[in-house]
Structure formats: C-alpha cells, structure tokens
Amino acid sequence: MVKRNIILVILSWALAVGATAPILAETKPTVFVSILPQKFFVQQISGELVDVEVMVPPGASPHTYEPKPSQMRKMAKASVFFTIGIALEEAWLERITKINPDMSV
C-alpha cells in the first residue's frame, strides 16, 4: 500500500512537472532520497525531469551516516524528500523539515 502511494505521488508529480516543462526548462526540481536504490527508482519514473540527490553516498552506512553541511544546504532548496523509514531518516527528518518546511516528505 505504501509503495503504491509512493508510486502514485511520483507519477502525479512527474506529470505535473512534465506539463510545465517548457516553463521550467532551465531549472529542474531537486528530489532527495536516502539511499542509492531509491535514486534508481525515482530516475526511472521521472526521467530527466528532476535532479535526484542521494543522502548516503555509496559505501557509507545509513546507520551511522550524518549529512554534510553541503547536503543540508541542498536539502534546504529541495522540492521532495522520499523516505523509507530507515533510522537515518527518523533521526534527521525533524531537522530537515525545519530548514525546508515547504519540502514534500
């Protein structure tokens, strides 16, 4: 059920962005995900319509990783953050939403 809702949100969002693509040709929305497999999933659905950033770099442990200040600055400008319920997200979600209250989670 949760996966279906996520897919529905992504598709709806991608369609909305696609309808305004000529207007937004120069700036793509930024979508943040926690781990690399999520990036693949979002890219397959959205294509070239969004820039996808991964919070935990390849080779790092999502259990002990702490976002870099540069990532937090990017998150302050992101449009969407997709969560999957890992401990990293639970630990940082409140701080992330404080720096970007307009971001969809």
Protein backbone atom coordinates (compact mmCIF):
# COMPACT_ATOMS: atom_id res chain seq x y z
CA MET A 1 0.00 0.00 0.00
CA VAL A 2 2.78 2.44 0.92
CA LYS A 3 4.73 1.58 -2.24
CA ARG A 4 1.63 2.14 -4.34
CA ASN A 5 1.08 5.52 -2.72
CA ILE A 6 4.70 6.49 -3.33
CA ILE A 7 4.43 5.50 -6.97
CA LEU A 8 1.19 7.45 -7.32
CA VAL A 9 2.76 10.57 -5.78
CA ILE A 10 5.84 10.30 -8.01
CA LEU A 11 3.77 9.82 -11.15
CA SER A 12 1.42 12.67 -10.29
CA TRP A 13 4.32 14.94 -9.52
CA ALA A 14 6.16 13.90 -12.71
CA LEU A 15 3.07 14.59 -14.80
CA ALA A 16 2.63 18.00 -13.20
CA VAL A 17 6.27 18.84 -13.83
CA GLY A 18 6.04 17.47 -17.36
CA ALA A 19 3.09 19.71 -18.14
CA THR A 20 5.14 22.74 -17.18
CA ALA A 21 8.45 21.51 -18.61
CA PRO A 22 8.78 24.28 -21.23
CA ILE A 23 8.37 26.89 -18.49
CA LEU A 24 10.81 25.16 -16.15
CA ALA A 25 13.32 24.10 -18.82
CA GLU A 26 16.23 25.82 -17.10
CA THR A 27 15.62 24.68 -13.53
CA LYS A 28 14.79 21.15 -12.50
CA PRO A 29 13.36 20.42 -9.08
CA THR A 30 15.65 18.56 -6.71
CA VAL A 31 14.43 15.32 -5.17
CA PHE A 32 16.33 13.84 -2.23
CA VAL A 33 16.40 10.15 -1.40
CA SER A 34 18.17 8.36 1.42
CA ILE A 35 19.96 5.50 -0.34
CA LEU A 36 21.17 4.71 -3.86
CA PRO A 37 18.47 2.15 -4.81
CA GLN A 38 15.83 4.84 -4.26
CA LYS A 39 17.65 7.10 -6.73
CA PHE A 40 17.33 4.46 -9.45
CA PHE A 41 13.60 4.09 -8.74
CA VAL A 42 12.91 7.84 -8.85
CA GLN A 43 15.01 8.33 -12.01
CA GLN A 44 13.16 5.54 -13.81
CA ILE A 45 9.83 7.21 -13.08
CA SER A 46 10.74 10.87 -13.53
CA GLY A 47 13.30 10.57 -16.32
CA GLU A 48 15.15 13.83 -16.90
CA LEU A 49 12.51 15.99 -15.24
CA VAL A 50 14.20 16.15 -11.83
CA ASP A 51 17.66 16.10 -10.29
CA VAL A 52 17.95 13.26 -7.78
CA GLU A 53 20.37 13.59 -4.86
CA VAL A 54 21.31 10.72 -2.54
CA MET A 55 21.83 11.46 1.14
CA VAL A 56 24.02 8.42 1.94
CA PRO A 57 26.86 8.03 -0.57
CA PRO A 58 27.81 4.59 -1.93
CA GLY A 59 29.89 2.63 0.57
CA ALA A 60 28.68 4.59 3.61
CA SER A 61 26.48 3.01 6.26
CA PRO A 62 22.98 4.52 6.53
CA HIS A 63 23.02 3.54 10.21
CA THR A 64 25.92 5.81 11.14
CA TYR A 65 25.93 8.43 8.37
CA GLU A 66 25.47 12.10 9.17
CA PRO A 67 24.63 14.53 6.36
CA LYS A 68 27.32 17.02 5.40
CA PRO A 69 26.60 20.76 5.69
CA SER A 70 26.65 20.98 1.88
CA GLN A 71 23.90 18.33 1.72
CA MET A 72 21.82 20.20 4.27
CA ARG A 73 22.12 23.36 2.14
CA LYS A 74 20.90 21.41 -0.90
CA MET A 75 18.06 19.94 1.15
CA ALA A 76 17.01 23.45 2.13
CA LYS A 77 16.23 24.00 -1.57
CA ALA A 78 14.84 20.55 -2.43
CA SER A 79 11.25 20.03 -3.53
CA VAL A 80 10.75 16.46 -2.31
CA PHE A 81 12.36 14.02 0.13
CA PHE A 82 11.35 10.38 -0.23
CA THR A 83 11.66 8.38 2.97
CA ILE A 84 11.63 4.63 3.50
CA GLY A 85 11.71 4.52 7.30
CA ILE A 86 15.40 3.91 7.99
CA ALA A 87 16.98 5.16 11.21
CA LEU A 88 18.87 7.93 9.42
CA GLU A 89 15.62 9.47 8.22
CA GLU A 90 14.00 9.22 11.63
CA ALA A 91 17.00 10.90 13.24
CA TRP A 92 17.23 13.77 10.73
CA LEU A 93 13.67 14.28 9.47
CA GLU A 94 12.71 16.89 12.07
CA ARG A 95 15.82 18.97 11.33
CA ILE A 96 15.35 18.63 7.59
CA THR A 97 11.74 19.79 7.72
CA LYS A 98 12.74 22.74 9.90
CA ILE A 99 15.23 24.00 7.32
CA ASN A 100 12.76 23.43 4.46
CA PRO A 101 9.15 23.47 5.64
CA ASP A 102 7.89 23.68 2.02
CA MET A 103 9.50 20.38 1.03
CA SER A 104 7.14 17.45 0.48
CA VAL A 105 8.11 14.41 2.57
